[in-house]
Amino acid sequence: MVLNIAHRGARSLAPENTLLAARRGLEAGADLWETDLAVTRDEELILFHDDRLVRTTNVQQRFPDRAQDPFTTFSLAEIRTLDAGTWFVETDPHGQIAAGVLSDPEQQTCKGLQVPTLEEALVFTRDAGWKLNLELKSLPAPMADFPVVPRVLAMIDRVGIGAEQILISSFNHVWLTEVRERRPALEIQALVGYYTYRPLDWGDLAFHTYNARHTLIRDEDIRLRKQEGHAINLFTVNEEADMRRFMALGVDGIITDFPQRLAVLR
């Protein structure tokens, strides 16, 4: 059965990369959730996707002079003062509020959420008996040279989450090689298709599992990679017709903003 992977949590049902989004992904029937690692100015590990805070927090109101600065210029204490949830209710980015999917009480729980730390995400996943796909992303200045891999591995050890409950993914395949060398028990997955306008570059096919952009992959790519013994997950697949088509082609996992849709189809 295809894996149901909640992209940034169930981000159609709650603000992305928050613990509420993770919880709603779990409740929706996802097998695991995917989220993004970020690092603050004071070297704290948090969950965040964009280089800037402005899209998914109220940084414009809290720090108007710094709203366009990268998150790497903010301390954890500053980021923890931000509201990382009200924007979701105000903008309804996936149309689920307008569609009546989220009740008024469910909408209210989105307001005032904080940007979570990696430690909080690992503890939640560990205690829920669930699984996390942690994507290591390139960091904007001044943290571009931050030692991402050793710091993440140290946090995994500190929380005590089992290797079966976490995997590491990245477009930076050098980092994945480092994870494999430092911690061979951890599963790693290579992301391909960073640029939407370039063909998929599979590199030297040195990894077992590839997470590919679904708009770039061809049916024959899926068949060939599977014949070679690779596992293929696709991102970000939100339409039911696409989910059905890729399941029929035998992909191993689907990364989606709508795990509730995929759960019904499997």
Protein backbone atom coordinates (compact mmCIF):
# COMPACT_ATOMS: atom_id res chain seq x y z
CA MET A 1 0.00 0.00 0.00
CA VAL A 2 1.25 3.48 -0.87
CA LEU A 3 2.53 5.52 2.06
CA ASN A 4 0.42 8.54 2.99
CA ILE A 5 2.90 11.32 3.87
CA ALA A 6 1.49 14.54 5.33
CA HIS A 7 3.37 17.46 3.74
CA ARG A 8 4.43 19.95 6.43
CA GLY A 9 1.79 18.17 8.46
CA ALA A 10 -1.78 18.26 7.16
CA ARG A 11 -1.24 21.80 5.92
CA SER A 12 -4.67 21.93 4.29
CA LEU A 13 -6.21 21.47 7.76
CA ALA A 14 -3.88 23.55 9.96
CA PRO A 15 -0.99 26.01 9.67
CA GLU A 16 1.97 24.28 8.03
CA ASN A 17 4.91 23.01 10.08
CA THR A 18 3.09 23.40 13.38
CA LEU A 19 2.39 20.66 15.87
CA LEU A 20 -1.32 21.13 15.19
CA ALA A 21 -0.73 20.33 11.52
CA ALA A 22 1.18 17.24 12.57
CA ARG A 23 -1.59 16.15 14.91
CA ARG A 24 -4.26 16.65 12.26
CA GLY A 25 -2.15 14.65 9.81
CA LEU A 26 -2.03 11.81 12.29
CA GLU A 27 -5.79 12.03 12.85
CA ALA A 28 -6.35 12.08 9.07
CA GLY A 29 -4.65 8.71 8.66
CA ALA A 30 -1.19 9.67 7.41
CA ASP A 31 1.57 7.11 7.92
CA LEU A 32 4.11 9.83 8.66
CA TRP A 33 4.57 13.56 8.40
CA GLU A 34 7.14 15.66 6.60
CA THR A 35 8.56 18.92 7.90
CA ASP A 36 11.44 21.34 7.33
CA LEU A 37 14.43 22.07 9.51
CA ALA A 38 15.47 25.67 10.11
CA VAL A 39 18.04 27.27 12.42
CA THR A 40 17.76 30.52 14.36
CA ARG A 41 20.41 33.17 14.83
CA ASP A 42 21.27 31.67 18.21
CA GLU A 43 21.64 28.17 16.71
CA GLU A 44 18.36 26.71 17.90
CA LEU A 45 16.69 24.09 15.68
CA ILE A 46 13.11 24.90 14.64
CA LEU A 47 10.58 23.90 11.99
CA PHE A 48 10.11 26.40 9.18
CA HIS A 49 9.99 26.33 5.40
CA ASP A 50 10.43 29.78 3.80
CA ASP A 51 13.62 31.81 4.05
CA ARG A 52 11.51 34.64 5.48
CA LEU A 53 8.88 34.68 8.19
CA VAL A 54 6.41 37.00 6.52
CA ARG A 55 4.11 34.50 4.77
CA THR A 56 3.23 32.33 7.76
CA THR A 57 3.63 34.57 10.81
CA ASN A 58 2.72 38.07 11.96
CA VAL A 59 6.34 39.24 11.77
CA GLN A 60 5.16 42.30 9.82
CA GLN A 61 3.28 43.49 12.90
CA ARG A 62 5.82 42.38 15.52
CA PHE A 63 9.03 43.41 13.76
CA PRO A 64 8.02 45.73 10.89
CA ASP A 65 11.56 46.91 10.20
CA ARG A 66 12.85 43.33 9.91
CA ALA A 67 9.90 41.60 8.28
CA GLN A 68 11.78 40.84 5.08
CA ASP A 69 14.91 39.59 6.82
CA PRO A 70 15.67 35.85 6.78
CA PHE A 71 14.66 33.77 9.78
CA THR A 72 18.35 33.15 10.47
CA THR A 73 18.64 36.73 11.72
CA PHE A 74 16.04 36.16 14.46
CA SER A 75 16.64 34.54 17.83
CA LEU A 76 14.47 31.70 19.06
CA ALA A 77 12.98 33.99 21.70
CA GLU A 78 11.96 36.48 19.00
CA ILE A 79 10.47 33.81 16.78
CA ARG A 80 8.54 32.35 19.71
CA THR A 81 6.74 35.69 20.14
CA LEU A 82 5.23 35.36 16.66
CA ASP A 83 1.73 34.13 15.85
CA ALA A 84 2.26 31.30 13.37
CA GLY A 85 -1.39 30.35 12.98
CA THR A 86 -3.82 33.23 12.53
CA TRP A 87 -2.64 33.78 8.93
CA PHE A 88 -4.07 30.35 8.05
CA VAL A 89 -7.58 31.33 9.15
CA GLU A 90 -7.32 34.72 7.49
CA THR A 91 -6.06 33.46 4.11
CA ASP A 92 -7.59 29.94 3.91
CA PRO A 93 -4.68 28.84 1.67
CA HIS A 94 -6.21 25.53 0.63
CA GLY A 95 -9.86 26.54 0.59
CA GLN A 96 -10.86 24.14 3.34
CA ILE A 97 -12.46 26.80 5.52
CA ALA A 98 -14.59 28.05 2.63
CA ALA A 99 -15.49 24.43 1.84
CA GLY A 100 -16.81 23.95 5.37
CA VAL A 101 -14.24 21.29 6.26
CA LEU A 102 -12.99 23.15 9.34
CA SER A 103 -15.48 24.08 12.05
CA ASP A 104 -15.31 27.37 13.92
CA PRO A 105 -13.69 25.72 16.97
CA GLU A 106 -11.14 24.00 14.71
CA GLN A 107 -10.32 27.35 13.13
CA GLN A 108 -9.91 28.98 16.53
CA THR A 109 -7.33 26.38 17.59
CA CYS A 110 -5.14 27.57 14.72
CA LYS A 111 -4.79 31.08 16.09
CA GLY A 112 -1.79 32.01 18.21
CA LEU A 113 0.27 28.92 17.44
CA GLN A 114 4.03 29.11 17.87
CA VAL A 115 6.77 28.01 15.51
CA PRO A 116 7.81 24.68 17.04
CA THR A 117 11.30 23.56 17.90
CA LEU A 118 12.72 20.38 16.43
CA GLU A 119 12.83 18.95 19.94
CA GLU A 120 9.08 19.48 20.33
CA ALA A 121 8.43 17.82 16.97
CA LEU A 122 10.57 14.81 17.84
CA VAL A 123 8.95 14.41 21.25
CA PHE A 124 5.48 14.61 19.70
CA THR A 125 6.38 12.02 17.07
CA ARG A 126 8.05 9.73 19.59
CA ASP A 127 5.17 9.84 22.05
CA ALA A 128 2.55 9.39 19.31
CA GLY A 129 4.30 6.25 18.05
CA TRP A 130 4.40 7.91 14.63
CA LYS A 131 7.12 8.72 12.08
CA LEU A 132 8.77 11.92 10.84
CA ASN A 133 10.44 12.79 7.55
CA LEU A 134 12.79 15.66 8.43
CA GLU A 135 13.94 17.63 5.41
CA LEU A 136 17.30 19.35 5.81
CA LYS A 137 17.20 22.57 3.81
CA SER A 138 19.93 24.98 2.81
CA LEU A 139 20.09 27.89 5.23
CA PRO A 140 20.27 31.58 4.33
CA ALA A 141 23.03 33.80 5.67
CA PRO A 142 24.40 34.14 8.25
CA MET A 143 23.81 30.43 9.03
CA ALA A 144 24.74 28.98 5.63
CA ASP A 145 27.70 27.07 7.08
CA PHE A 146 25.93 25.80 10.17
CA PRO A 147 26.84 22.13 10.93
CA VAL A 148 23.35 20.84 10.22
CA VAL A 149 23.91 17.09 10.27
CA PRO A 150 25.78 16.71 13.59
CA ARG A 151 23.41 19.07 15.36
CA VAL A 152 20.34 17.23 14.11
CA LEU A 153 21.79 13.86 15.05
CA ALA A 154 22.62 15.18 18.51
CA MET A 155 19.01 16.30 18.97
CA ILE A 156 17.72 12.91 17.82
CA ASP A 157 19.95 11.29 20.44
CA ARG A 158 18.86 13.76 23.11
CA VAL A 159 15.16 13.06 22.58
CA GLY A 160 15.72 9.33 22.31
CA ILE A 161 13.48 8.77 19.31
CA GLY A 162 14.09 5.44 17.61
CA ALA A 163 15.61 5.12 14.15
CA GLU A 164 12.37 3.51 12.98
CA GLN A 165 10.49 6.74 13.79
CA ILE A 166 12.55 9.23 11.81
CA LEU A 167 14.12 9.57 8.39
CA ILE A 168 16.23 12.33 6.88
CA SER A 169 15.61 13.79 3.43
CA SER A 170 17.32 16.58 1.52
CA PHE A 171 18.12 18.07 -1.86
CA ASN A 172 21.67 18.30 -0.49
CA HIS A 173 22.91 14.80 -1.21
CA VAL A 174 26.25 15.52 0.47
CA TRP A 175 24.38 15.89 3.75
CA LEU A 176 22.61 12.59 3.14
CA THR A 177 25.94 10.88 2.58
CA GLU A 178 27.15 12.39 5.86
CA VAL A 179 24.09 11.06 7.68
CA ARG A 180 24.70 7.61 6.20
CA GLU A 181 28.32 7.66 7.34
CA ARG A 182 27.60 8.99 10.83
CA ARG A 183 24.39 7.07 11.51
CA PRO A 184 23.89 4.15 9.09
CA ALA A 185 20.79 2.96 10.95
CA LEU A 186 18.87 6.07 9.90
CA GLU A 187 16.84 5.97 6.70
CA ILE A 188 17.72 8.65 4.15
CA GLN A 189 15.79 9.86 1.11
CA ALA A 190 17.18 11.95 -1.75
CA LEU A 191 15.04 14.78 -3.05
CA VAL A 192 15.15 15.50 -6.80
CA GLY A 193 13.39 18.17 -8.82
CA TYR A 194 14.32 21.33 -6.94
CA TYR A 195 13.82 23.47 -10.05
CA THR A 196 10.37 23.25 -11.58
CA TYR A 197 11.69 24.09 -15.04
CA ARG A 198 14.54 21.57 -15.30
CA PRO A 199 14.34 17.82 -15.99
CA LEU A 200 14.85 15.54 -13.01
CA ASP A 201 18.52 14.92 -12.25
CA TRP A 202 18.88 11.52 -10.59
CA GLY A 203 22.65 11.92 -10.15
CA ASP A 204 24.53 8.67 -9.72
CA LEU A 205 21.50 6.89 -8.20
CA ALA A 206 23.47 6.29 -5.02
CA PHE A 207 20.41 6.23 -2.77
CA HIS A 208 17.66 3.68 -2.33
CA THR A 209 14.75 6.12 -2.00
CA TYR A 210 14.07 9.18 -4.12
CA ASN A 211 11.44 11.84 -3.45
CA ALA A 212 10.67 13.42 -6.83
CA ARG A 213 8.61 16.40 -7.96
CA HIS A 214 5.51 14.83 -9.44
CA THR A 215 5.08 17.42 -12.19
CA LEU A 216 8.47 16.49 -13.67
CA ILE A 217 8.41 12.72 -13.46
CA ARG A 218 7.38 10.58 -16.41
CA ASP A 219 5.59 7.27 -16.19
CA GLU A 220 8.62 5.53 -17.70
CA ASP A 221 10.84 7.11 -15.02
CA ILE A 222 8.76 5.48 -12.32
CA ARG A 223 8.84 2.10 -14.04
CA LEU A 224 12.59 2.27 -14.64
CA ARG A 225 13.49 3.34 -11.13
CA LYS A 226 11.29 0.60 -9.70
CA GLN A 227 12.87 -2.00 -11.98
CA GLU A 228 16.27 -0.87 -10.70
CA GLY A 229 15.13 -1.52 -7.14
CA HIS A 230 14.61 2.06 -6.01
CA ALA A 231 11.71 3.34 -3.94
CA ILE A 232 9.88 6.39 -5.29
CA ASN A 233 7.88 8.96 -3.33
CA LEU A 234 6.29 11.91 -5.12
CA PHE A 235 5.66 15.48 -3.95
CA THR A 236 3.36 17.38 -3.69
CA VAL A 237 0.34 15.45 -4.98
CA ASN A 238 -3.00 16.99 -4.02
CA GLU A 239 -5.51 16.01 -6.70
CA GLU A 240 -7.35 12.72 -6.39
CA ALA A 241 -6.90 11.89 -10.07
CA ASP A 242 -3.14 12.23 -9.73
CA MET A 243 -3.13 10.16 -6.55
CA ARG A 244 -5.00 7.35 -8.33
CA ARG A 245 -2.70 7.48 -11.35
CA PHE A 246 0.50 7.36 -9.33
CA MET A 247 -0.81 4.58 -7.12
CA ALA A 248 -1.59 2.57 -10.26
CA LEU A 249 1.98 3.15 -11.43
CA GLY A 250 3.27 1.63 -8.20
CA VAL A 251 4.90 4.56 -6.41
CA ASP A 252 5.85 3.83 -2.82
CA GLY A 253 4.66 7.03 -1.21
CA ILE A 254 2.70 10.20 -1.91
CA ILE A 255 3.58 13.43 -0.13
CA THR A 256 0.42 15.51 0.05
CA ASP A 257 -1.16 18.56 1.66
CA PHE A 258 -4.37 16.50 1.80
CA PRO A 259 -3.63 13.26 3.67
CA GLN A 260 -7.36 13.04 4.38
CA ARG A 261 -8.01 12.60 0.64
CA LEU A 262 -5.36 9.97 0.17
CA ALA A 263 -6.55 8.04 3.23
CA VAL A 264 -9.94 7.49 1.55
CA LEU A 265 -8.41 6.33 -1.74
CA ARG A 266 -5.99 3.71 -0.44
